[in-house]
N, C-alpha and C. Protein backbone atom coordinates (compact mmCIF):
# COMPACT_ATOMS: atom_id res chain seq x y z
N MET A 1 9.38 20.01 2.03
CA MET A 1 9.26 21.26 2.74
C MET A 1 8.79 21.02 4.18
N ARG A 2 8.05 19.94 4.39
CA ARG A 2 7.53 19.66 5.72
C ARG A 2 8.64 19.45 6.73
N PHE A 3 9.64 18.68 6.37
CA PHE A 3 10.66 18.32 7.34
C PHE A 3 11.81 19.32 7.37
N GLY A 4 12.12 19.95 6.25
CA GLY A 4 13.21 20.92 6.21
C GLY A 4 12.84 22.29 6.72
N VAL A 5 11.65 22.76 6.37
CA VAL A 5 11.23 24.12 6.71
C VAL A 5 10.08 24.13 7.72
N GLY A 6 9.40 23.02 7.89
CA GLY A 6 8.30 22.94 8.83
C GLY A 6 6.96 23.37 8.26
N LEU A 7 6.83 23.40 6.93
CA LEU A 7 5.55 23.78 6.32
C LEU A 7 4.60 22.59 6.32
N GLU A 8 3.31 22.88 6.46
CA GLU A 8 2.27 21.87 6.37
C GLU A 8 1.21 22.37 5.41
N SER A 9 0.81 21.53 4.48
CA SER A 9 -0.14 21.93 3.45
C SER A 9 -1.45 22.44 4.05
N SER A 10 -2.02 21.69 4.99
CA SER A 10 -3.31 22.09 5.56
C SER A 10 -3.24 23.44 6.25
N ARG A 11 -2.17 23.70 6.92
CA ARG A 11 -2.04 24.92 7.69
C ARG A 11 -1.54 26.09 6.84
N ASP A 12 -0.53 25.86 6.03
CA ASP A 12 0.17 26.96 5.37
C ASP A 12 -0.37 27.36 4.01
N THR A 13 -1.23 26.56 3.41
CA THR A 13 -1.80 26.95 2.12
C THR A 13 -3.30 27.21 2.19
N ALA A 14 -3.90 26.98 3.34
CA ALA A 14 -5.35 27.10 3.48
C ALA A 14 -5.85 28.50 3.14
N SER A 15 -5.16 29.54 3.56
CA SER A 15 -5.65 30.90 3.34
C SER A 15 -5.54 31.33 1.88
N VAL A 16 -4.62 30.74 1.13
CA VAL A 16 -4.44 31.12 -0.27
C VAL A 16 -5.22 30.21 -1.21
N ILE A 17 -5.05 28.91 -1.07
CA ILE A 17 -5.66 27.96 -1.99
C ILE A 17 -7.08 27.59 -1.58
N GLY A 18 -7.36 27.55 -0.29
CA GLY A 18 -8.68 27.18 0.19
C GLY A 18 -9.83 27.93 -0.47
N PRO A 19 -9.78 29.26 -0.53
CA PRO A 19 -10.88 29.99 -1.18
C PRO A 19 -11.01 29.68 -2.67
N LEU A 20 -9.92 29.37 -3.34
CA LEU A 20 -9.98 29.07 -4.77
C LEU A 20 -10.67 27.74 -5.06
N THR A 21 -10.65 26.83 -4.09
CA THR A 21 -11.25 25.51 -4.28
C THR A 21 -12.49 25.32 -3.41
N TRP A 22 -13.03 26.43 -2.91
CA TRP A 22 -14.20 26.41 -2.02
C TRP A 22 -13.95 25.55 -0.78
N GLY A 23 -12.73 25.54 -0.31
CA GLY A 23 -12.37 24.83 0.91
C GLY A 23 -12.07 23.35 0.74
N ILE A 24 -12.19 22.86 -0.49
CA ILE A 24 -11.95 21.43 -0.74
C ILE A 24 -10.48 21.22 -1.08
N ARG A 25 -9.84 20.26 -0.42
CA ARG A 25 -8.45 19.92 -0.73
C ARG A 25 -8.42 19.11 -2.01
N ILE A 26 -7.61 19.51 -2.96
CA ILE A 26 -7.48 18.79 -4.23
C ILE A 26 -6.21 17.95 -4.16
N HIS A 27 -6.37 16.66 -3.90
CA HIS A 27 -5.25 15.74 -3.90
C HIS A 27 -5.00 15.29 -5.34
N HIS A 28 -3.75 14.97 -5.67
CA HIS A 28 -3.50 14.53 -7.04
C HIS A 28 -4.13 13.17 -7.31
N GLY A 29 -4.48 12.44 -6.27
CA GLY A 29 -5.22 11.19 -6.44
C GLY A 29 -6.60 11.41 -7.03
N TYR A 30 -7.24 12.55 -6.72
CA TYR A 30 -8.55 12.85 -7.30
C TYR A 30 -8.43 13.01 -8.81
N ILE A 31 -7.39 13.68 -9.24
CA ILE A 31 -7.17 13.88 -10.68
C ILE A 31 -6.90 12.53 -11.34
N GLY A 32 -6.17 11.66 -10.63
CA GLY A 32 -5.91 10.32 -11.15
C GLY A 32 -7.18 9.52 -11.34
N VAL A 33 -8.09 9.58 -10.38
CA VAL A 33 -9.36 8.87 -10.50
C VAL A 33 -10.17 9.43 -11.66
N LEU A 34 -10.16 10.75 -11.82
CA LEU A 34 -10.85 11.38 -12.94
C LEU A 34 -10.27 10.90 -14.27
N LEU A 35 -8.94 10.84 -14.37
CA LEU A 35 -8.30 10.37 -15.60
C LEU A 35 -8.64 8.91 -15.89
N MET A 36 -8.73 8.08 -14.86
CA MET A 36 -9.11 6.68 -15.09
C MET A 36 -10.54 6.57 -15.61
N GLY A 37 -11.42 7.46 -15.15
CA GLY A 37 -12.78 7.49 -15.69
C GLY A 37 -12.80 7.92 -17.15
N VAL A 38 -11.98 8.91 -17.49
CA VAL A 38 -11.87 9.35 -18.89
C VAL A 38 -11.35 8.21 -19.75
N ALA A 39 -10.37 7.48 -19.25
CA ALA A 39 -9.83 6.34 -20.01
C ALA A 39 -10.91 5.30 -20.27
N ALA A 40 -11.73 5.01 -19.29
CA ALA A 40 -12.81 4.04 -19.48
C ALA A 40 -13.82 4.55 -20.51
N TRP A 41 -14.05 5.85 -20.50
CA TRP A 41 -15.03 6.44 -21.40
C TRP A 41 -14.57 6.41 -22.87
N ILE A 42 -13.26 6.58 -23.11
CA ILE A 42 -12.77 6.65 -24.50
C ILE A 42 -12.12 5.35 -24.98
N ARG A 43 -12.13 4.30 -24.17
CA ARG A 43 -11.37 3.09 -24.51
C ARG A 43 -11.80 2.44 -25.81
N VAL A 44 -13.08 2.52 -26.17
CA VAL A 44 -13.54 1.88 -27.41
C VAL A 44 -13.09 2.68 -28.63
N ARG A 45 -13.17 4.01 -28.53
CA ARG A 45 -12.79 4.87 -29.66
C ARG A 45 -11.30 4.96 -29.87
N SER A 46 -10.55 4.98 -28.79
CA SER A 46 -9.11 5.18 -28.89
C SER A 46 -8.40 4.36 -27.81
N PRO A 47 -8.24 3.06 -28.04
CA PRO A 47 -7.68 2.20 -26.99
C PRO A 47 -6.24 2.55 -26.59
N ARG A 48 -5.45 2.97 -27.53
CA ARG A 48 -4.05 3.29 -27.20
C ARG A 48 -3.97 4.54 -26.31
N THR A 49 -4.71 5.56 -26.68
CA THR A 49 -4.75 6.78 -25.86
C THR A 49 -5.34 6.47 -24.49
N ALA A 50 -6.39 5.66 -24.46
CA ALA A 50 -7.01 5.28 -23.19
C ALA A 50 -6.02 4.55 -22.29
N ALA A 51 -5.18 3.72 -22.86
CA ALA A 51 -4.19 2.99 -22.06
C ALA A 51 -3.20 3.95 -21.42
N TRP A 52 -2.77 4.98 -22.16
CA TRP A 52 -1.84 5.96 -21.60
C TRP A 52 -2.50 6.80 -20.50
N ILE A 53 -3.74 7.21 -20.76
CA ILE A 53 -4.46 7.99 -19.76
C ILE A 53 -4.69 7.16 -18.51
N LEU A 54 -5.03 5.89 -18.68
CA LEU A 54 -5.21 4.99 -17.54
C LEU A 54 -3.92 4.85 -16.75
N LEU A 55 -2.80 4.72 -17.44
CA LEU A 55 -1.51 4.61 -16.78
C LEU A 55 -1.20 5.85 -15.94
N PHE A 56 -1.39 7.03 -16.51
CA PHE A 56 -1.14 8.27 -15.77
C PHE A 56 -2.10 8.41 -14.59
N GLY A 57 -3.35 8.08 -14.80
CA GLY A 57 -4.33 8.16 -13.73
C GLY A 57 -4.00 7.22 -12.58
N ALA A 58 -3.63 5.99 -12.92
CA ALA A 58 -3.28 5.02 -11.87
C ALA A 58 -2.02 5.47 -11.13
N ALA A 59 -1.06 6.03 -11.85
CA ALA A 59 0.17 6.50 -11.21
C ALA A 59 -0.11 7.66 -10.25
N LEU A 60 -0.95 8.60 -10.65
CA LEU A 60 -1.29 9.72 -9.76
C LEU A 60 -2.03 9.23 -8.51
N THR A 61 -2.95 8.32 -8.71
CA THR A 61 -3.71 7.78 -7.57
C THR A 61 -2.80 7.00 -6.63
N ALA A 62 -1.98 6.12 -7.19
CA ALA A 62 -1.07 5.32 -6.36
C ALA A 62 -0.06 6.22 -5.64
N GLY A 63 0.45 7.23 -6.32
CA GLY A 63 1.41 8.14 -5.72
C GLY A 63 0.81 8.89 -4.53
N ASP A 64 -0.43 9.31 -4.66
CA ASP A 64 -1.09 10.01 -3.56
C ASP A 64 -1.31 9.08 -2.37
N LEU A 65 -1.77 7.86 -2.64
CA LEU A 65 -1.98 6.89 -1.56
C LEU A 65 -0.67 6.53 -0.87
N ILE A 66 0.38 6.33 -1.64
CA ILE A 66 1.69 6.01 -1.06
C ILE A 66 2.17 7.17 -0.19
N HIS A 67 2.05 8.39 -0.71
CA HIS A 67 2.49 9.57 0.03
C HIS A 67 1.79 9.69 1.38
N HIS A 68 0.48 9.54 1.38
CA HIS A 68 -0.27 9.74 2.62
C HIS A 68 -0.19 8.56 3.57
N PHE A 69 -0.28 7.33 3.06
CA PHE A 69 -0.43 6.19 3.95
C PHE A 69 0.84 5.38 4.18
N LEU A 70 1.83 5.47 3.31
CA LEU A 70 3.07 4.73 3.51
C LEU A 70 4.25 5.62 3.87
N VAL A 71 4.12 6.94 3.66
CA VAL A 71 5.20 7.86 4.01
C VAL A 71 4.79 8.73 5.20
N LEU A 72 3.74 9.54 5.01
CA LEU A 72 3.36 10.48 6.08
C LEU A 72 2.91 9.78 7.35
N TRP A 73 2.08 8.76 7.23
CA TRP A 73 1.54 8.12 8.41
C TRP A 73 2.62 7.54 9.31
N PRO A 74 3.58 6.76 8.78
CA PRO A 74 4.64 6.26 9.66
C PRO A 74 5.56 7.37 10.20
N LEU A 75 5.81 8.40 9.40
CA LEU A 75 6.76 9.44 9.83
C LEU A 75 6.14 10.47 10.78
N THR A 76 4.86 10.78 10.59
CA THR A 76 4.25 11.83 11.41
C THR A 76 3.19 11.31 12.37
N GLY A 77 2.76 10.07 12.20
CA GLY A 77 1.72 9.51 13.05
C GLY A 77 0.31 9.78 12.55
N SER A 78 0.19 10.46 11.42
CA SER A 78 -1.12 10.76 10.83
C SER A 78 -0.99 10.76 9.31
N PRO A 79 -1.97 10.18 8.59
CA PRO A 79 -1.90 10.22 7.13
C PRO A 79 -2.16 11.62 6.58
N GLU A 80 -2.73 12.49 7.38
CA GLU A 80 -3.03 13.86 6.99
C GLU A 80 -3.75 13.94 5.66
N PHE A 81 -4.69 13.03 5.49
CA PHE A 81 -5.51 13.01 4.27
C PHE A 81 -6.82 13.72 4.59
N HIS A 82 -6.80 15.03 4.48
CA HIS A 82 -7.96 15.86 4.80
C HIS A 82 -8.74 16.15 3.53
N LEU A 83 -10.06 16.07 3.62
CA LEU A 83 -10.91 16.36 2.47
C LEU A 83 -11.15 17.86 2.29
N THR A 84 -11.05 18.60 3.39
CA THR A 84 -11.25 20.05 3.31
C THR A 84 -10.14 20.75 4.08
N TYR A 85 -9.96 22.03 3.80
CA TYR A 85 -9.02 22.84 4.56
C TYR A 85 -9.65 23.20 5.89
N PRO A 86 -8.86 23.37 6.95
CA PRO A 86 -9.43 23.76 8.24
C PRO A 86 -10.01 25.16 8.16
N GLN A 87 -11.08 25.38 8.90
CA GLN A 87 -11.71 26.71 8.93
C GLN A 87 -10.81 27.65 9.73
N THR A 88 -10.56 28.83 9.17
CA THR A 88 -9.71 29.80 9.86
C THR A 88 -10.53 30.89 10.48
């Protein structure tokens, strides 16, 4: 949507999503890190389930890092990895 329509997450979703998350940007990498912690916590009780959760968590984290630092940064000149939405 960024290149075809000119939308930007920080600018165009801040007024709707920002208040729901108290101004904190929720990157899918955060959810991935959380899932990797859950996998570590349950690995003794359920190693097979923990392996799948770890895989999904690592994929979400890697996907977010690739998106921001290997795609956006070279194409736009900024990784646009903001921790909070801009104040309006």
